[in-house]
Amino acid sequence: MAADSASKATVIALTKSAATDLAPHVIRVNAISAAFIGPGRMWDNQVAQQASAGSQYYSDDPAEVAAQMIGMVPLRRYGSTAEVASVVSFLMSADASYLTAQNIEINGGSI
C-alpha cells in the first residue's frame, strides 16, 4: 500500500514540475490515475495478487477480494478501458488546451 501511494505521489509531482517547465514551449503535461479498471487481465492480476499477498486488508479468496475491491468504490463497479480512453481523448483535444499540470482521477468516487 505504501509503495502504491508513494509512486502515485511521485507521478503527480513530476507531472506538475514537467508542466511548469514545458509550458513556455506550449507543451501540456497531465496525468491520469485510474483506479480499478476491468474486466480483463489487469483486473484479474490485481485481484489475484491482492488475494495472495496475505494482507490484513483483503481476503485470501480471489472472489472475496474482487467483491471487497468493488465494495470500496462508491459507484460499486470497476471502470472500463473505454472510460479511461475517453479521458485521454479529451486531454489530447483542443477542448483541454488550457488544462495542464493536473492529475485526473478515474476512480468511481474513491478517495
Protein backbone atom coordinates (compact mmCIF):
# COMPACT_ATOMS: atom_id res chain seq x y z
CA MET A 1 0.00 0.00 0.00
CA ALA A 2 2.82 2.42 0.85
CA ALA A 3 4.64 1.81 -2.43
CA ASP A 4 1.47 2.48 -4.41
CA SER A 5 0.87 5.76 -2.57
CA ALA A 6 4.49 6.86 -2.93
CA SER A 7 4.62 6.08 -6.64
CA LYS A 8 1.38 7.98 -7.32
CA ALA A 9 2.66 10.98 -5.37
CA THR A 10 5.85 10.87 -7.43
CA VAL A 11 3.94 10.82 -10.71
CA ILE A 12 1.80 13.78 -9.61
CA ALA A 13 4.86 15.81 -8.52
CA LEU A 14 6.69 15.00 -11.75
CA THR A 15 3.60 15.96 -13.77
CA LYS A 16 3.37 19.37 -12.08
CA SER A 17 7.10 20.02 -12.43
CA ALA A 18 7.23 18.96 -16.10
CA ALA A 19 4.12 21.01 -16.89
CA THR A 20 5.72 24.12 -15.41
CA ASP A 21 8.99 23.55 -17.27
CA LEU A 22 7.34 22.77 -20.62
CA ALA A 23 4.52 25.33 -20.61
CA PRO A 24 6.68 28.01 -22.33
CA HIS A 25 7.02 25.55 -25.23
CA VAL A 26 3.23 25.08 -25.39
CA ILE A 27 3.54 21.51 -24.17
CA ARG A 28 0.87 20.41 -21.73
CA VAL A 29 1.55 17.67 -19.20
CA ASN A 30 -1.22 15.88 -17.33
CA ALA A 31 -1.51 12.55 -15.55
CA ILE A 32 -4.29 10.02 -15.20
CA SER A 33 -4.65 7.98 -12.03
CA ALA A 34 -7.02 5.17 -12.82
CA ALA A 35 -8.36 3.00 -10.02
CA PHE A 36 -9.96 -0.37 -10.59
CA ILE A 37 -10.36 -0.90 -14.35
CA GLY A 38 -11.77 -4.09 -15.81
CA PRO A 39 -12.64 -6.61 -16.91
CA GLY A 40 -9.51 -8.19 -18.26
CA ARG A 41 -6.08 -9.43 -17.43
CA MET A 42 -5.06 -6.36 -15.42
CA TRP A 43 -8.12 -6.66 -13.16
CA ASP A 44 -7.64 -10.43 -12.82
CA ASN A 45 -3.96 -9.99 -11.95
CA GLN A 46 -4.70 -7.29 -9.40
CA VAL A 47 -7.33 -9.46 -7.70
CA ALA A 48 -5.03 -12.50 -7.68
CA GLN A 49 -2.09 -10.52 -6.30
CA GLN A 50 -4.19 -8.99 -3.52
CA ALA A 51 -5.53 -12.44 -2.61
CA SER A 52 -2.05 -13.96 -2.45
CA ALA A 53 -0.40 -11.04 -0.61
CA GLY A 54 -1.51 -12.11 2.85
CA SER A 55 -2.69 -8.59 3.52
CA GLN A 56 -4.70 -7.57 6.55
CA TYR A 57 -6.90 -5.57 4.20
CA TYR A 58 -8.06 -8.33 1.85
CA SER A 59 -9.22 -11.92 2.00
CA ASP A 60 -7.12 -14.72 0.52
CA ASP A 61 -10.05 -15.80 -1.68
CA PRO A 62 -9.96 -14.07 -5.11
CA ALA A 63 -13.77 -13.94 -5.38
CA GLU A 64 -13.98 -12.24 -1.99
CA VAL A 65 -11.14 -9.88 -2.91
CA ALA A 66 -12.97 -8.80 -6.08
CA ALA A 67 -16.10 -8.09 -4.02
CA GLN A 68 -14.06 -6.21 -1.40
CA MET A 69 -12.38 -4.09 -4.05
CA ILE A 70 -15.69 -3.22 -5.73
CA GLY A 71 -17.19 -2.53 -2.31
CA MET A 72 -14.58 0.20 -1.75
CA VAL A 73 -15.76 2.10 -4.84
CA PRO A 74 -18.72 4.44 -4.22
CA LEU A 75 -20.11 3.71 -7.71
CA ARG A 76 -19.89 -0.03 -6.84
CA ARG A 77 -18.23 -1.09 -10.08
CA TYR A 78 -14.89 -1.00 -11.78
CA GLY A 79 -14.24 1.41 -14.62
CA SER A 80 -13.89 0.42 -18.24
CA THR A 81 -10.96 0.91 -20.57
CA ALA A 82 -13.31 2.96 -22.77
CA GLU A 83 -13.87 5.38 -19.88
CA VAL A 84 -10.12 5.85 -19.49
CA ALA A 85 -9.70 6.26 -23.26
CA SER A 86 -12.36 8.97 -23.36
CA VAL A 87 -10.45 10.99 -20.75
CA VAL A 88 -7.22 10.55 -22.72
CA SER A 89 -9.04 11.67 -25.87
CA PHE A 90 -10.34 14.77 -24.09
CA LEU A 91 -6.87 15.64 -22.77
CA MET A 92 -5.47 15.39 -26.29
CA SER A 93 -8.21 17.57 -27.77
CA ALA A 94 -8.38 21.33 -28.25
CA ASP A 95 -11.12 21.35 -25.59
CA ALA A 96 -8.39 20.76 -22.99
CA SER A 97 -5.96 23.33 -24.40
CA TYR A 98 -5.81 25.26 -21.11
CA LEU A 99 -5.52 22.18 -18.92
CA THR A 100 -2.03 21.34 -17.70
CA ALA A 101 -0.29 20.18 -14.51
CA GLN A 102 -3.34 18.16 -13.49
CA ASN A 103 -3.88 14.64 -12.25
CA ILE A 104 -7.23 13.29 -13.42
CA GLU A 105 -8.52 10.56 -11.11
CA ILE A 106 -10.73 7.97 -12.78
CA ASN A 107 -11.83 6.16 -9.67
CA GLY A 108 -15.60 5.88 -9.34
CA GLY A 109 -15.55 8.28 -6.42
CA SER A 110 -12.90 6.54 -4.33
CA ILE A 111 -10.88 8.77 -2.08
